[in-house]
Protein backbone atom coordinates (compact mmCIF):
# COMPACT_ATOMS: atom_id res chain seq x y z
CA MET A 1 11.43 -21.66 11.21
CA LEU A 2 14.46 -21.24 13.46
CA GLU A 3 16.73 -22.92 10.90
CA LYS A 4 15.51 -20.51 8.25
CA LEU A 5 16.12 -17.57 10.57
CA LYS A 6 19.65 -18.76 11.31
CA LEU A 7 20.40 -18.85 7.58
CA ILE A 8 18.95 -15.34 7.15
CA GLU A 9 21.18 -14.04 9.96
CA GLU A 10 24.22 -15.64 8.33
CA LYS A 11 23.37 -13.95 5.04
CA TYR A 12 22.92 -10.63 6.85
CA SER A 13 26.35 -10.99 8.51
CA TYR A 14 27.89 -11.80 5.12
CA ILE A 15 26.34 -8.62 3.65
CA GLU A 16 27.66 -6.57 6.59
CA ASN A 17 31.17 -7.92 6.00
CA ARG A 18 30.97 -7.26 2.27
CA MET A 19 29.81 -3.69 2.82
CA SER A 20 32.69 -3.02 5.20
CA SER A 21 35.19 -4.17 2.58
CA PRO A 22 37.00 -1.19 0.90
CA GLU A 23 37.05 -2.73 -2.60
CA ILE A 24 33.25 -2.89 -2.79
CA TYR A 25 33.12 0.90 -3.09
CA ASN A 26 34.62 0.67 -6.57
CA ASP A 27 31.32 -0.87 -7.72
CA PRO A 28 28.33 1.47 -7.04
CA GLN A 29 25.82 -1.05 -8.45
CA ALA A 30 27.07 -3.78 -6.10
CA ILE A 31 26.81 -1.39 -3.13
CA ALA A 32 23.23 -0.45 -4.07
CA LYS A 33 22.26 -4.13 -4.43
CA LEU A 34 23.80 -5.05 -1.05
CA ALA A 35 22.15 -2.06 0.63
CA ARG A 36 18.73 -3.14 -0.72
CA GLU A 37 19.25 -6.71 0.49
CA GLN A 38 20.42 -5.50 3.89
CA LYS A 39 17.36 -3.27 4.27
CA GLU A 40 15.02 -6.15 3.36
CA LEU A 41 16.59 -8.41 6.01
CA THR A 42 17.11 -5.89 8.84
CA LEU A 43 13.69 -6.21 10.54
CA VAL A 44 13.81 -10.02 10.46
CA VAL A 45 17.36 -10.20 11.83
CA GLU A 46 16.69 -7.67 14.60
CA ALA A 47 13.59 -9.62 15.68
CA TYR A 48 15.51 -12.92 15.55
CA ARG A 49 18.32 -11.51 17.69
CA LYS A 50 15.77 -10.33 20.26
CA TYR A 51 14.22 -13.80 20.24
CA GLU A 52 17.64 -15.39 20.76
CA LYS A 53 18.36 -13.07 23.72
CA HIS A 54 15.07 -14.06 25.37
CA ARG A 55 15.86 -17.74 24.67
CA ARG A 56 19.28 -17.44 26.36
CA ASP A 57 17.71 -15.62 29.33
CA ALA A 58 15.14 -18.40 29.69
CA GLU A 59 17.84 -21.07 29.43
CA GLU A 60 19.96 -19.43 32.13
CA ALA A 61 16.94 -19.07 34.44
CA ARG A 62 15.92 -22.70 33.84
CA THR A 63 19.44 -23.91 34.70
CA LEU A 64 19.30 -21.98 37.98
CA LEU A 65 15.85 -23.36 38.81
CA GLU A 66 17.06 -26.93 38.21
CA GLY A 67 19.87 -26.38 40.71
CA ARG A 68 19.56 -25.98 44.42
CA ILE A 69 18.26 -22.55 45.54
CA ASP A 70 17.74 -22.21 49.29
CA ASP A 71 16.60 -18.60 49.18
CA SER A 72 12.85 -18.63 48.39
CA ASP A 73 12.82 -14.95 47.41
CA PHE A 74 15.67 -15.53 44.96
CA ARG A 75 13.92 -18.60 43.55
CA GLN A 76 10.74 -16.57 43.02
CA MET A 77 12.73 -13.84 41.24
CA VAL A 78 14.40 -16.39 38.93
CA GLN A 79 11.01 -18.02 38.24
CA GLU A 80 9.59 -14.60 37.26
CA GLU A 81 12.55 -14.00 34.95
CA TYR A 82 12.02 -17.41 33.35
CA ASP A 83 8.27 -16.83 32.87
CA SER A 84 8.89 -13.35 31.46
CA ALA A 85 11.51 -14.62 28.97
CA ARG A 86 9.23 -17.47 27.82
CA GLU A 87 6.33 -15.05 27.33
CA ALA A 88 8.59 -12.71 25.32
CA MET A 89 9.73 -15.68 23.20
CA THR A 90 6.12 -16.55 22.36
CA GLU A 91 5.42 -12.95 21.32
CA MET A 92 8.58 -12.83 19.19
CA GLU A 93 7.67 -16.14 17.52
CA GLU A 94 4.39 -14.60 16.34
CA GLU A 95 6.19 -11.48 15.09
CA LEU A 96 8.78 -13.60 13.28
CA ARG A 97 6.09 -15.70 11.56
CA ILE A 98 4.57 -12.50 10.18
CA LEU A 99 7.97 -11.15 9.10
CA LEU A 100 8.69 -14.39 7.25
CA LEU A 101 5.47 -14.26 5.23
CA PRO A 102 6.12 -13.80 1.48
CA LYS A 103 6.45 -10.10 0.72
CA ASP A 104 4.57 -8.35 -2.05
CA PRO A 105 7.45 -7.23 -4.31
CA ASN A 106 5.58 -3.98 -4.99
CA ASP A 107 5.14 -2.92 -1.35
CA SER A 108 8.02 -0.44 -1.43
CA LYS A 109 6.87 1.23 -4.65
CA ASN A 110 5.11 4.54 -5.18
CA VAL A 111 1.42 4.30 -6.07
CA ILE A 112 -0.85 5.57 -8.79
CA ILE A 113 -4.41 6.15 -7.57
CA GLU A 114 -7.24 6.56 -10.06
CA ILE A 115 -10.62 7.76 -8.77
CA ARG A 116 -13.76 7.81 -10.94
CA GLY A 117 -17.28 8.89 -10.09
CA GLY A 118 -19.72 5.98 -10.44
CA ALA A 119 -23.48 5.86 -9.90
CA GLY A 120 -24.94 9.09 -8.59
CA GLY A 121 -24.07 11.82 -11.10
CA ASP A 122 -22.95 15.11 -9.53
CA GLU A 123 -23.15 13.65 -6.02
CA ALA A 124 -20.73 10.85 -7.01
CA ALA A 125 -18.36 13.43 -8.52
CA LEU A 126 -18.45 15.49 -5.32
CA PHE A 127 -17.64 12.41 -3.26
CA ALA A 128 -14.82 11.51 -5.67
CA HIS A 129 -13.35 14.92 -4.79
CA SER A 130 -13.75 14.08 -1.06
CA LEU A 131 -11.84 10.81 -1.53
CA TYR A 132 -9.09 12.55 -3.52
CA ARG A 133 -8.76 15.08 -0.68
CA MET A 134 -8.76 12.25 1.91
CA TYR A 135 -5.89 10.40 0.21
CA THR A 136 -3.78 13.50 -0.36
CA MET A 137 -4.24 14.54 3.29
CA TYR A 138 -3.20 11.05 4.39
CA ALA A 139 -0.14 11.27 2.13
CA GLU A 140 0.71 14.64 3.67
CA SER A 141 0.48 13.18 7.19
CA LYS A 142 3.03 10.53 6.11
CA ARG A 143 5.26 13.19 4.49
CA TRP A 144 4.70 11.62 1.11
CA LYS A 145 4.52 13.69 -2.06
CA SER A 146 1.41 13.67 -4.26
CA ASP A 147 1.13 14.94 -7.85
CA ILE A 148 -1.86 15.01 -10.20
CA ALA A 149 -1.29 13.46 -13.61
CA TYR A 150 -4.79 13.99 -15.03
CA ILE A 151 -8.01 15.49 -13.70
CA ASN A 152 -11.48 16.05 -15.15
CA GLU A 153 -13.49 18.34 -12.88
CA THR A 154 -17.17 19.31 -12.87
CA GLU A 155 -18.62 22.82 -12.67
CA LEU A 156 -19.88 22.12 -9.12
CA GLY A 157 -16.39 21.35 -7.82
CA GLY A 158 -16.62 17.58 -8.17
CA ILE A 159 -14.30 15.21 -10.01
CA LYS A 160 -15.40 12.92 -12.81
CA GLU A 161 -11.95 11.32 -12.93
CA VAL A 162 -8.53 11.95 -11.41
CA SER A 163 -5.23 10.11 -11.69
CA PHE A 164 -2.46 11.04 -9.26
CA VAL A 165 0.84 9.66 -8.00
CA ILE A 166 1.85 9.32 -4.35
CA GLU A 167 5.60 9.03 -3.84
CA GLY A 168 6.89 7.69 -0.53
CA GLU A 169 8.59 4.72 1.09
CA GLY A 170 6.07 1.89 1.47
CA ALA A 171 3.23 3.91 -0.09
CA TYR A 172 1.83 0.93 -2.00
CA SER A 173 1.99 -1.34 1.07
CA ARG A 174 -0.38 1.04 2.88
CA MET A 175 -2.64 2.13 0.03
CA LYS A 176 -3.16 -1.14 -1.86
CA PHE A 177 -6.24 -2.12 0.17
CA GLU A 178 -8.16 0.94 -1.10
CA SER A 179 -8.97 -0.57 -4.52
CA GLY A 180 -12.68 -1.16 -5.04
CA VAL A 181 -16.05 0.56 -4.90
CA HIS A 182 -16.59 3.16 -2.16
CA ARG A 183 -20.24 3.89 -1.37
CA VAL A 184 -21.50 7.12 0.20
CA GLN A 185 -24.89 7.66 1.86
CA ARG A 186 -25.80 11.27 2.60
CA VAL A 187 -28.33 14.04 1.96
CA PRO A 188 -27.06 16.16 -0.96
CA ASP A 189 -27.14 19.97 -0.59
CA THR A 190 -29.53 20.09 -3.56
CA GLU A 191 -32.04 17.70 -1.93
CA ALA A 192 -34.84 19.86 -0.49
CA SER A 193 -36.78 16.94 1.02
CA GLY A 194 -33.82 15.68 3.07
CA ARG A 195 -33.84 12.29 1.35
CA ILE A 196 -30.64 10.23 1.69
CA HIS A 197 -28.93 9.46 -1.62
CA THR A 198 -26.58 6.56 -2.27
CA SER A 199 -23.70 7.12 -4.71
CA THR A 200 -20.59 5.17 -5.60
CA VAL A 201 -17.00 5.99 -6.53
CA THR A 202 -14.45 3.56 -7.95
CA VAL A 203 -10.86 3.62 -6.70
CA ALA A 204 -8.00 1.79 -8.41
CA VAL A 205 -4.57 1.58 -6.76
CA LEU A 206 -1.62 0.56 -8.92
CA PRO A 207 2.06 0.17 -8.02
CA GLU A 208 4.03 2.68 -10.08
CA MET A 209 6.09 0.85 -12.67
CA ASP A 210 9.09 2.01 -14.65
CA GLU A 211 9.22 1.12 -18.33
CA VAL A 212 12.03 -1.29 -17.43
CA ASP A 213 9.74 -3.05 -14.93
CA PHE A 214 7.18 -3.79 -17.63
CA ALA A 215 8.55 -3.86 -21.19
CA ILE A 216 6.41 -2.01 -23.75
CA ASN A 217 7.06 -2.25 -27.47
CA PRO A 218 7.23 1.33 -28.88
CA ALA A 219 5.63 0.05 -32.09
CA ASP A 220 2.48 -0.72 -30.05
CA LEU A 221 2.02 2.94 -29.06
CA GLN A 222 0.16 5.83 -30.62
CA VAL A 223 1.27 9.13 -29.06
CA ASP A 224 -0.80 12.31 -29.52
CA THR A 225 -0.15 15.80 -28.17
CA PHE A 226 -2.86 18.35 -27.46
CA ARG A 227 -3.57 21.49 -25.49
CA ALA A 228 -4.47 20.85 -21.91
CA SER A 229 -7.97 21.85 -20.85
CA GLY A 230 -9.09 23.56 -17.68
CA ALA A 231 -7.35 26.06 -15.43
CA GLY A 232 -3.71 26.79 -16.00
CA GLY A 233 -3.36 30.26 -17.49
CA GLN A 234 -1.94 31.29 -20.82
CA HIS A 235 0.62 28.48 -20.93
CA VAL A 236 -2.09 25.81 -20.96
CA ASN A 237 -4.00 27.53 -23.74
CA LYS A 238 -1.05 28.08 -26.06
CA THR A 239 1.21 25.04 -25.65
CA GLU A 240 0.51 21.48 -26.78
CA SER A 241 2.17 19.98 -23.71
CA ALA A 242 -0.55 17.43 -22.85
CA ILE A 243 0.07 13.83 -23.91
CA ARG A 244 -2.30 11.02 -24.85
CA ILE A 245 -0.77 7.55 -25.28
CA THR A 246 -2.81 4.67 -26.70
CA HIS A 247 -1.57 1.10 -26.31
CA LEU A 248 -2.92 -0.34 -29.55
CA PRO A 249 -3.00 -4.08 -28.65
CA THR A 250 -5.16 -3.50 -25.55
CA GLY A 251 -6.82 -0.17 -26.35
CA THR A 252 -5.56 1.26 -23.04
CA VAL A 253 -5.49 5.07 -23.15
CA VAL A 254 -3.54 7.29 -20.75
CA GLU A 255 -3.67 11.09 -20.68
CA CYS A 256 -1.32 13.35 -18.75
CA GLN A 257 -1.68 17.11 -18.81
CA GLU A 258 -0.67 18.52 -15.44
CA GLU A 259 3.06 19.06 -16.11
CA ARG A 260 4.09 22.07 -18.19
CA SER A 261 6.75 20.08 -20.00
CA GLN A 262 5.66 17.74 -22.79
CA HIS A 263 8.62 15.50 -21.97
CA LYS A 264 7.57 15.23 -18.30
CA ASN A 265 3.97 14.50 -19.28
CA ARG A 266 5.14 11.76 -21.65
CA GLU A 267 7.39 10.22 -18.98
CA ARG A 268 4.57 10.18 -16.43
CA ALA A 269 2.05 8.85 -18.95
CA MET A 270 4.42 5.98 -19.80
CA ARG A 271 4.74 5.08 -16.12
CA ILE A 272 0.97 5.06 -15.70
CA LEU A 273 0.57 2.98 -18.85
CA ALA A 274 3.18 0.47 -17.64
CA SER A 275 1.37 0.30 -14.28
CA ARG A 276 -2.04 -0.31 -15.90
CA LEU A 277 -0.70 -3.02 -18.21
CA TYR A 278 1.12 -4.67 -15.30
CA GLU A 279 -2.06 -4.60 -13.20
CA ALA A 280 -4.13 -6.08 -16.05
CA GLU A 281 -1.61 -8.92 -16.37
CA ARG A 282 -1.66 -9.48 -12.61
CA GLU A 283 -5.46 -9.58 -12.57
CA LYS A 284 -5.33 -12.30 -15.23
CA GLN A 285 -3.01 -14.36 -13.06
CA ASP A 286 -5.18 -13.73 -9.99
CA ALA A 287 -8.25 -14.95 -11.87
CA ALA A 288 -6.47 -18.26 -12.34
CA LEU A 289 -6.05 -18.40 -8.56
CA ALA A 290 -9.57 -17.21 -7.77
CA ALA A 291 -10.13 -19.59 -4.86
CA GLU A 292 -7.04 -18.33 -3.08
CA ARG A 293 -7.88 -14.71 -3.84
CA LYS A 294 -11.35 -15.01 -2.32
CA SER A 295 -9.85 -16.11 0.97
CA GLN A 296 -7.61 -13.06 1.25
CA VAL A 297 -8.36 -9.45 2.12
CA GLY A 298 -6.35 -8.75 -1.03
CA THR A 299 -6.03 -5.49 -2.90
CA GLY A 300 -9.68 -5.57 -3.92
CA ASP A 301 -11.51 -6.22 -7.13
CA ARG A 302 -12.49 -2.90 -8.71
CA SER A 303 -16.14 -4.02 -8.91
CA GLU A 304 -16.26 -5.09 -5.25
CA ARG A 305 -18.00 -2.77 -2.78
CA ILE A 306 -15.42 -2.45 -0.05
CA ARG A 307 -16.54 0.46 2.12
CA THR A 308 -19.57 2.58 3.03
CA TYR A 309 -19.43 6.17 4.31
CA ASN A 310 -22.73 6.92 6.04
CA PHE A 311 -23.02 10.62 6.90
CA PRO A 312 -26.33 10.59 8.89
CA GLN A 313 -24.86 8.03 11.31
CA GLY A 314 -21.30 9.43 11.15
CA ARG A 315 -19.89 5.99 10.43
CA VAL A 316 -17.48 4.32 8.03
CA THR A 317 -17.82 0.55 7.54
CA ASP A 318 -15.24 -1.64 5.81
CA HIS A 319 -17.24 -4.64 4.57
CA ARG A 320 -14.23 -6.92 4.02
CA ILE A 321 -13.35 -7.14 7.71
CA GLY A 322 -16.65 -6.00 9.28
CA LEU A 323 -15.05 -2.95 10.92
CA THR A 324 -17.20 0.10 11.69
CA LEU A 325 -15.71 3.35 12.97
CA TYR A 326 -17.82 6.31 14.09
CA LYS A 327 -15.33 8.96 13.01
CA ILE A 328 -16.31 9.85 9.45
CA GLU A 329 -15.01 13.43 9.62
CA GLN A 330 -11.57 12.39 10.87
CA ILE A 331 -11.31 9.67 8.23
CA LEU A 332 -12.26 12.03 5.40
CA ASN A 333 -9.63 14.42 6.76
CA GLY A 334 -6.97 11.78 6.15
CA ASP A 335 -6.97 9.88 9.46
CA LEU A 336 -6.80 6.45 7.79
CA ASP A 337 -4.27 4.59 9.93
CA GLU A 338 -6.80 2.77 12.13
CA LEU A 339 -8.61 1.44 9.05
CA ILE A 340 -5.44 0.53 7.17
CA ASP A 341 -3.81 -1.10 10.22
CA ALA A 342 -6.89 -3.31 10.68
CA LEU A 343 -6.77 -4.34 7.00
CA VAL A 344 -3.05 -5.12 7.16
CA THR A 345 -3.57 -7.20 10.32
CA ALA A 346 -6.48 -9.12 8.77
CA ASP A 347 -4.43 -9.79 5.63
CA GLN A 348 -1.47 -11.04 7.69
CA ALA A 349 -3.73 -13.28 9.80
CA GLU A 350 -5.24 -14.83 6.68
CA LYS A 351 -1.83 -15.42 5.11
CA LEU A 352 -0.62 -17.01 8.37
CA ARG A 353 -3.64 -19.31 8.40
CA MET A 354 -3.00 -20.34 4.82
CA SER A 355 0.73 -20.92 5.41
CA GLU A 356 -0.08 -23.16 8.39
CA GLU A 357 -2.59 -25.15 6.32
CA ASN A 358 -0.01 -25.66 3.60
């Protein structure tokens, strides 16, 4: 591990030197590439340099302890410095192992979240709205931007289906564990007898892809324009700005109607289509590695029940890691960090275990 870290630091120093060279500024693409590489390596190099400082401190203290020290108080102080440096080295080693784990290349991307009401009719649609609100409030707390691409609402204020984009640094790295079936247990307002109903909502989280990230043959597309439905005033009723794109080989259909510009709707629909096709291809590859996938927290199979929100008990349980939190109101108001941090930690621990076995 230390040899690998030394090589990474050398590469980082090389990038620093290149970026300080005046001639590099004649090539904007080269600058952008170097800046990306530097950003990817910064956390690892900073942690390695801290580790090296603690190692030097421990070495100096050990040298003193091996020599003759007549002053017992001074010896005790040096011993404490040595123990402290060794403890810090152990902590940094663990941090460095995590930093060296293979990165998901999509972690820095924006995300597309698609929420659909499942079993439970109107109650499922109402909970789908609650989840949409939860994710947009979480995005707001992170200062990320969220935009609806498509929404199909019910008369009672629920959501049959919504597709929206969250734009922000590292958005996918935080949101990717939300894919799967979310179950809610509560007494609906319409239930006179007070009986608890169980409903489900499906959440899919996709990294947002550009068309260049996932090549799509234009000949494979059928593009239709239509008037957007729902609220939106006169503009919505009179202008065919909504877009429906069908990918003929797979039958994948994407609609986008929230932008007023047909061009913007088409651009967003193409990004969502590229993301769905990419995800379908990735799921195929994951199926071939099913044994490995089962041992990871992963990004969740869409048919897998991942979480239960139990209103009578005020609890939220994530079934993948066995975590129960009695703070359902805070979570539904966007306070997701405790849940997501636990999932990230569990995923890292599993990947560490697998890397050690290999």
